[in-house]
Protein backbone atom coordinates (compact mmCIF):
# COMPACT_ATOMS: atom_id res chain seq x y z
CA UNK A 1 -23.23 16.44 -4.70
CA UNK A 2 -22.61 13.86 -7.43
CA UNK A 3 -19.06 12.55 -7.35
CA UNK A 4 -17.04 12.66 -10.58
CA UNK A 5 -15.99 9.21 -11.78
CA UNK A 6 -12.24 8.67 -11.85
CA UNK A 7 -10.58 5.97 -13.94
CA UNK A 8 -7.47 3.90 -13.35
CA UNK A 9 -5.64 4.21 -16.68
CA UNK A 10 -2.40 2.44 -15.76
CA UNK A 11 -0.64 0.80 -12.82
CA UNK A 12 3.09 0.60 -12.15
CA UNK A 13 5.13 -0.93 -9.32
CA UNK A 14 8.75 -1.15 -8.16
CA UNK A 15 10.47 -3.67 -5.89
CA UNK A 16 14.19 -3.27 -5.15
CA UNK A 17 16.87 -5.86 -5.83
CA UNK A 18 16.46 -9.61 -5.59
CA UNK A 19 13.83 -11.32 -3.47
CA UNK A 20 15.01 -12.26 0.03
CA UNK A 21 13.65 -15.64 1.12
CA UNK A 22 13.12 -16.87 4.67
CA UNK A 23 16.40 -18.76 4.71
CA UNK A 24 18.42 -15.63 3.91
CA UNK A 25 16.42 -13.45 6.30
CA UNK A 26 16.58 -16.03 9.07
CA UNK A 27 20.35 -16.30 8.63
CA UNK A 28 20.71 -12.50 8.88
CA UNK A 29 18.56 -12.29 12.02
CA UNK A 30 19.61 -15.49 13.74
CA UNK A 31 16.10 -17.00 13.68
CA UNK A 32 14.77 -20.07 11.90
CA UNK A 33 13.23 -19.85 8.45
CA UNK A 34 10.54 -22.29 9.63
CA UNK A 35 9.46 -19.89 12.39
CA UNK A 36 9.07 -17.06 9.88
CA UNK A 37 6.99 -19.22 7.57
CA UNK A 38 4.75 -20.60 10.30
CA UNK A 39 4.26 -17.30 12.13
CA UNK A 40 3.73 -14.83 9.27
CA UNK A 41 3.30 -16.98 6.16
CA UNK A 42 5.48 -14.72 4.03
CA UNK A 43 8.03 -16.44 1.80
CA UNK A 44 9.82 -13.46 0.21
CA UNK A 45 10.35 -9.72 0.57
CA UNK A 46 12.57 -7.06 -1.01
CA UNK A 47 14.93 -4.54 0.56
CA UNK A 48 16.48 -1.40 -0.85
CA UNK A 49 19.61 -1.98 1.25
CA UNK A 50 22.31 -4.59 1.41
CA UNK A 51 21.58 -7.08 4.19
CA UNK A 52 25.23 -7.60 5.06
CA UNK A 53 26.54 -4.02 4.94
CA UNK A 54 23.40 -1.98 5.59
CA UNK A 55 24.16 0.22 2.57
CA UNK A 56 20.98 1.84 1.19
CA UNK A 57 20.96 1.26 -2.56
CA UNK A 58 17.38 2.28 -3.43
CA UNK A 59 15.58 5.05 -1.55
CA UNK A 60 11.85 5.59 -1.31
CA UNK A 61 12.23 8.40 -3.84
CA UNK A 62 13.94 6.02 -6.27
CA UNK A 63 11.23 3.39 -5.93
CA UNK A 64 8.32 5.83 -6.21
CA UNK A 65 9.81 7.45 -9.30
CA UNK A 66 10.26 4.03 -10.95
CA UNK A 67 6.68 3.05 -10.11
CA UNK A 68 5.43 6.37 -11.47
CA UNK A 69 7.31 5.92 -14.76
CA UNK A 70 5.90 2.41 -15.11
CA UNK A 71 2.35 3.66 -14.47
CA UNK A 72 2.72 6.38 -17.10
CA UNK A 73 3.97 3.81 -19.61
CA UNK A 74 1.05 1.50 -18.83
CA UNK A 75 -1.40 4.36 -19.37
CA UNK A 76 0.28 5.50 -22.58
CA UNK A 77 0.75 9.03 -21.18
CA UNK A 78 3.69 11.42 -20.90
CA UNK A 79 4.77 13.51 -17.89
CA UNK A 80 3.39 16.58 -19.70
CA UNK A 81 -0.11 15.02 -19.47
CA UNK A 82 -0.01 14.89 -15.64
CA UNK A 83 -1.68 17.76 -13.76
CA UNK A 84 -1.15 16.66 -10.14
CA UNK A 85 0.83 14.22 -8.03
CA UNK A 86 -0.27 12.68 -4.72
CA UNK A 87 2.15 10.47 -2.76
CA UNK A 88 1.30 8.47 0.38
CA UNK A 89 3.92 7.09 2.75
CA UNK A 90 4.63 6.43 6.42
CA UNK A 91 8.40 6.45 5.84
CA UNK A 92 9.52 9.52 3.84
CA UNK A 93 13.18 9.87 2.93
CA UNK A 94 13.30 13.31 4.60
CA UNK A 95 10.78 15.54 6.31
CA UNK A 96 11.70 18.31 3.86
CA UNK A 97 11.87 18.35 0.92
CA UNK A 98 8.91 16.03 0.74
CA UNK A 99 9.36 12.76 -1.07
CA UNK A 100 6.47 13.84 -3.30
CA UNK A 101 8.39 16.87 -4.56
CA UNK A 102 11.59 14.87 -5.06
CA UNK A 103 9.69 12.24 -7.05
CA UNK A 104 8.03 14.93 -9.15
CA UNK A 105 11.50 16.29 -9.96
CA UNK A 106 12.80 12.87 -11.04
CA UNK A 107 9.75 12.38 -13.26
CA UNK A 108 10.19 15.76 -14.93
CA UNK A 109 7.00 17.17 -13.41
CA UNK A 110 6.80 20.89 -12.66
CA UNK A 111 4.22 23.66 -12.30
CA UNK A 112 1.66 21.33 -10.71
CA UNK A 113 0.40 20.54 -7.19
CA UNK A 114 2.39 17.82 -5.41
CA UNK A 115 0.69 16.52 -2.25
CA UNK A 116 2.14 14.16 0.35
CA UNK A 117 -0.08 12.14 2.68
CA UNK A 118 1.50 10.85 5.89
CA UNK A 119 -0.31 7.55 6.46
CA UNK A 120 0.14 3.83 6.89
CA UNK A 121 -1.64 1.10 4.93
CA UNK A 122 -4.66 3.31 4.21
CA UNK A 123 -2.60 6.01 2.51
CA UNK A 124 -2.71 4.57 -1.01
CA UNK A 125 -6.50 4.64 -1.07
CA UNK A 126 -6.53 8.08 0.55
CA UNK A 127 -4.36 9.19 -2.38
CA UNK A 128 -6.92 7.81 -4.84
CA UNK A 129 -9.68 9.67 -2.99
CA UNK A 130 -7.75 12.96 -3.17
CA UNK A 131 -6.95 12.33 -6.82
CA UNK A 132 -10.64 11.82 -7.54
CA UNK A 133 -11.41 15.17 -5.91
CA UNK A 134 -8.76 16.90 -8.04
CA UNK A 135 -10.27 15.41 -11.18
CA UNK A 136 -13.67 16.67 -10.06
CA UNK A 137 -12.12 20.13 -9.73
CA UNK A 138 -11.11 20.11 -13.39
CA UNK A 139 -7.86 18.14 -13.78
CA UNK A 140 -7.76 15.65 -16.65
CA UNK A 141 -5.03 13.28 -15.43
CA UNK A 142 -2.87 12.81 -12.36
CA UNK A 143 -0.46 10.42 -10.72
CA UNK A 144 -1.06 8.81 -7.32
CA UNK A 145 1.79 6.92 -5.65
CA UNK A 146 2.26 4.88 -2.49
CA UNK A 147 5.38 3.35 -1.03
CA UNK A 148 7.35 2.55 2.10
CA UNK A 149 10.86 1.45 3.10
CA UNK A 150 12.24 -0.12 6.27
CA UNK A 151 15.87 0.97 6.61
CA UNK A 152 15.22 3.91 8.94
CA UNK A 153 13.20 1.83 11.42
CA UNK A 154 14.58 -1.72 11.35
CA UNK A 155 18.27 -2.72 11.55
CA UNK A 156 18.48 -6.16 9.97
CA UNK A 157 22.14 -6.56 11.00
CA UNK A 158 21.29 -7.07 14.68
CA UNK A 159 21.22 -10.43 16.46
CA UNK A 160 17.49 -10.86 16.85
CA UNK A 161 17.64 -13.84 19.22
CA UNK A 162 17.20 -11.57 22.26
CA UNK A 163 14.51 -9.33 20.79
CA UNK A 164 11.04 -9.74 22.36
CA UNK A 165 8.52 -11.49 20.13
CA UNK A 166 6.30 -8.43 19.78
CA UNK A 167 9.26 -6.54 18.27
CA UNK A 168 10.75 -9.45 16.34
CA UNK A 169 7.60 -9.83 14.24
CA UNK A 170 8.31 -6.46 12.60
CA UNK A 171 11.66 -7.71 11.32
CA UNK A 172 10.00 -10.50 9.34
CA UNK A 173 6.77 -8.79 8.27
CA UNK A 174 8.00 -5.82 6.30
CA UNK A 175 9.73 -5.14 3.00
CA UNK A 176 10.35 -2.21 0.67
CA UNK A 177 8.38 -1.21 -2.41
CA UNK A 178 6.31 1.37 -4.26
CA UNK A 179 3.34 1.47 -6.58
CA UNK A 180 1.51 4.05 -8.64
CA UNK A 181 -1.64 4.63 -10.67
CA UNK A 182 -2.52 7.13 -13.35
CA UNK A 183 -5.98 8.56 -12.67
CA UNK A 184 -7.92 10.11 -15.55
CA UNK A 185 -11.23 11.91 -15.97
CA UNK A 186 -12.10 9.81 -19.03
CA UNK A 187 -11.82 6.03 -19.56
CA UNK A 188 -8.55 5.40 -21.42
CA UNK A 189 -6.04 2.54 -21.51
CA UNK A 190 -6.97 0.15 -18.64
CA UNK A 191 -10.26 2.06 -18.21
CA UNK A 192 -11.19 0.82 -14.74
CA UNK A 193 -13.79 3.07 -13.14
CA UNK A 194 -13.59 3.99 -9.45
CA UNK A 195 -17.25 3.48 -8.56
CA UNK A 196 -16.90 4.22 -4.85
CA UNK A 197 -14.39 5.23 -2.19
CA UNK A 198 -14.61 4.61 1.57
CA UNK A 199 -12.34 6.43 4.04
CA UNK A 200 -13.13 6.65 7.74
CA UNK A 201 -11.16 7.18 10.93
CA UNK A 202 -12.70 4.89 13.56
CA UNK A 203 -10.14 5.11 16.37
CA UNK A 204 -11.66 7.61 18.76
CA UNK A 205 -10.80 6.54 22.31
CA UNK A 206 -8.97 3.46 21.05
CA UNK A 207 -5.24 2.83 21.70
CA UNK A 208 -3.06 2.89 18.62
CA UNK A 209 -2.30 -0.53 17.14
CA UNK A 210 0.90 0.67 15.50
CA UNK A 211 3.28 3.53 16.20
CA UNK A 212 6.21 4.70 14.05
CA UNK A 213 8.44 7.11 15.96
CA UNK A 214 11.14 9.57 14.93
CA UNK A 215 14.02 11.13 16.80
CA UNK A 216 15.52 14.60 16.87
CA UNK A 217 18.71 16.12 18.27
CA UNK A 218 17.43 16.06 21.86
CA UNK A 219 16.43 12.38 21.94
CA UNK A 220 18.49 10.64 19.26
CA UNK A 221 19.98 8.33 21.94
CA UNK A 222 16.57 7.21 23.17
CA UNK A 223 16.12 3.46 23.58
CA UNK A 224 12.42 3.50 22.72
CA UNK A 225 11.72 1.41 19.60
CA UNK A 226 11.21 3.23 16.32
CA UNK A 227 8.43 0.83 15.32
CA UNK A 228 5.92 -0.67 17.74
CA UNK A 229 2.90 -2.85 17.07
CA UNK A 230 0.22 -4.32 19.29
CA UNK A 231 0.01 -7.48 17.22
CA UNK A 232 -2.72 -9.01 19.39
CA UNK A 233 -4.93 -5.94 18.89
CA UNK A 234 -4.21 -6.04 15.17
CA UNK A 235 -5.07 -9.75 14.91
CA UNK A 236 -8.37 -9.07 16.64
CA UNK A 237 -9.24 -5.74 15.05
CA UNK A 238 -8.25 -5.92 11.39
CA UNK A 239 -10.52 -8.84 10.34
CA UNK A 240 -13.50 -7.15 12.00
CA UNK A 241 -12.81 -3.82 10.31
CA UNK A 242 -12.29 -5.57 6.97
CA UNK A 243 -15.78 -7.04 7.27
CA UNK A 244 -17.21 -3.60 8.04
CA UNK A 245 -15.52 -2.11 4.98
CA UNK A 246 -16.86 -4.89 2.78
CA UNK A 247 -20.49 -4.44 3.75
CA UNK A 248 -20.35 -0.65 3.87
CA UNK A 249 -18.89 -0.57 0.35
CA UNK A 250 -21.51 -2.99 -0.98
CA UNK A 251 -24.27 -0.88 0.55
CA UNK A 252 -22.82 2.37 -0.83
CA UNK A 253 -22.40 0.90 -4.32
CA UNK A 254 -25.72 -0.90 -4.38
CA UNK A 255 -23.94 -4.16 -5.17
CA UNK A 256 -24.66 -7.65 -3.84
CA UNK A 257 -21.85 -10.04 -2.85
CA UNK A 258 -22.53 -12.08 -5.99
CA UNK A 259 -21.93 -8.96 -8.11
CA UNK A 260 -18.24 -8.89 -7.08
CA UNK A 261 -15.75 -10.77 -9.24
CA UNK A 262 -12.51 -9.98 -7.37
CA UNK A 263 -11.60 -9.32 -3.76
CA UNK A 264 -8.39 -7.47 -2.84
CA UNK A 265 -8.20 -8.00 0.95
CA UNK A 266 -5.93 -6.28 3.52
CA UNK A 267 -2.32 -7.48 3.27
CA UNK A 268 -0.68 -7.47 6.71
CA UNK A 269 0.92 -10.90 6.27
CA UNK A 270 0.24 -14.15 4.47
CA UNK A 271 -1.28 -15.74 7.58
CA UNK A 272 -3.39 -12.71 8.48
CA UNK A 273 -4.75 -12.37 4.95
CA UNK A 274 -5.79 -16.04 4.98
CA UNK A 275 -7.64 -15.42 8.24
CA UNK A 276 -9.37 -12.30 6.93
CA UNK A 277 -10.55 -14.00 3.73
CA UNK A 278 -11.89 -16.96 5.70
CA UNK A 279 -13.79 -14.65 8.05
CA UNK A 280 -15.29 -12.63 5.17
CA UNK A 281 -16.67 -15.93 3.84
CA UNK A 282 -17.37 -14.81 0.27
CA UNK A 283 -17.63 -17.78 -2.08
CA UNK A 284 -17.74 -16.04 -5.46
CA UNK A 285 -14.95 -13.43 -5.76
CA UNK A 286 -11.43 -14.43 -6.76
CA UNK A 287 -8.83 -13.30 -4.24
CA UNK A 288 -6.00 -11.05 -5.41
CA UNK A 289 -3.16 -10.99 -2.86
CA UNK A 290 0.58 -10.39 -2.98
CA UNK A 291 1.95 -10.02 0.57
CA UNK A 292 3.20 -13.60 0.89
CA UNK A 293 5.57 -12.96 -2.04
CA UNK A 294 6.47 -9.29 -1.42
CA UNK A 295 6.34 -8.79 2.34
CA UNK A 296 4.31 -5.97 3.86
CA UNK A 297 5.28 -2.94 1.78
CA UNK A 298 2.75 -0.60 3.40
CA UNK A 299 1.37 1.89 0.91
CA UNK A 300 2.71 -0.06 -2.07
CA UNK A 301 0.47 -3.06 -1.35
CA UNK A 302 -2.81 -1.93 -2.98
CA UNK A 303 -0.93 -1.02 -6.16
CA UNK A 304 0.84 -4.39 -6.23
CA UNK A 305 -2.59 -6.01 -5.95
CA UNK A 306 -4.06 -3.72 -8.61
CA UNK A 307 -1.27 -4.60 -11.02
CA UNK A 308 -2.25 -8.26 -10.69
CA UNK A 309 -5.93 -7.37 -11.04
CA UNK A 310 -5.36 -5.56 -14.34
CA UNK A 311 -3.95 -8.75 -15.83
CA UNK A 312 -7.14 -10.67 -15.04
CA UNK A 313 -10.06 -8.24 -15.09
CA UNK A 314 -12.44 -8.35 -18.06
CA UNK A 315 -14.83 -5.67 -19.25
CA UNK A 316 -17.88 -5.48 -16.98
CA UNK A 317 -16.17 -7.23 -14.06
CA UNK A 318 -16.11 -5.65 -10.61
CA UNK A 319 -13.66 -5.65 -7.70
CA UNK A 320 -13.52 -4.51 -4.09
CA UNK A 321 -10.28 -3.25 -2.52
CA UNK A 322 -10.08 -3.30 1.30
CA UNK A 323 -7.31 -1.70 3.37
CA UNK A 324 -7.10 -1.23 7.14
CA UNK A 325 -4.60 0.99 8.92
CA UNK A 326 -4.02 -0.09 12.51
CA UNK A 327 -2.11 3.01 13.69
CA UNK A 328 -5.18 4.92 14.84
CA UNK A 329 -7.61 2.56 13.09
CA UNK A 330 -8.61 3.79 9.64
CA UNK A 331 -10.93 1.97 7.24
CA UNK A 332 -10.51 2.46 3.48
CA UNK A 333 -11.90 0.75 0.41
CA UNK A 334 -12.56 1.05 -3.31
CA UNK A 335 -15.24 -0.30 -5.62
CA UNK A 336 -13.92 -0.82 -9.17
CA UNK A 337 -15.44 -1.79 -12.52
CA UNK A 338 -13.69 -2.26 -15.87
CA UNK A 339 -15.64 -0.34 -18.49
CA UNK A 340 -13.38 -0.78 -21.52
CA UNK A 341 -14.47 2.24 -23.55
CA UNK A 342 -16.29 5.56 -23.37
CA UNK A 343 -19.18 5.50 -20.90
């Protein structure tokens, strides 16, 4: 069956508060700023809570609603034009109501489907894939959103000097943020066509690389960590999977490497992204990355990259977006082309 083309009409993002540099984060955790820079290569990140008091000032719902409003403004559309909402996150504010429904309420959306995808770094592109299917079913415009926050899983007020290295890395990798895109059935505003989508679970029989837990009334005093990562497995696995996504997308699209103008690689950390880009070894495409300046914001990352892309991309230019989720190993990707006008 021929897949209906979807178009990115506008991108919006939201980052809370002022940027937190490595000096401020290192002071809060009791670790050196130099260690953070050398180990993860991330200079800044943003938090929706106060580092000194722990007070949550911006929730995931707040950030996603702001990103959604910004995307609508960029597309030149009103809430009344939106016929569906899809939100991807690994860190919802509550299990129920869903963050998707709360965001819809803040945006003034009603009488429309509001989906929530529980996923890590692949969720944003899963949301685009679902949005494309809803357009194929007859919708004319919809809003896809991705975002994550850290306050429920990481306590930045602890003395981190005694935390094992495999846990400490999480305290310096992540930040809070959200992003959104307006998807349309016709090329309007930014008019970037989604030429191809890749989404595959490839983790059968493979241990999870990342696990985010949650507690209930019977185990709220458990000492097991809320967030666990096998960083060695991630370092080994993500670059390989990124290469697979690249070549599978090119094959599916019928493009050659020299046909690609921009590369949006996976964004685990500044150091990891450097390693991935070096291993992909593409000479032509211009890299579009953000994680070194924003921290790892999970499902917000592809939208933060796309916002940068929109500022650079000319009519006829093409881009590949690659995202790897290490939880149970999911490969996702997009092939994009700016078309400018009616096709």
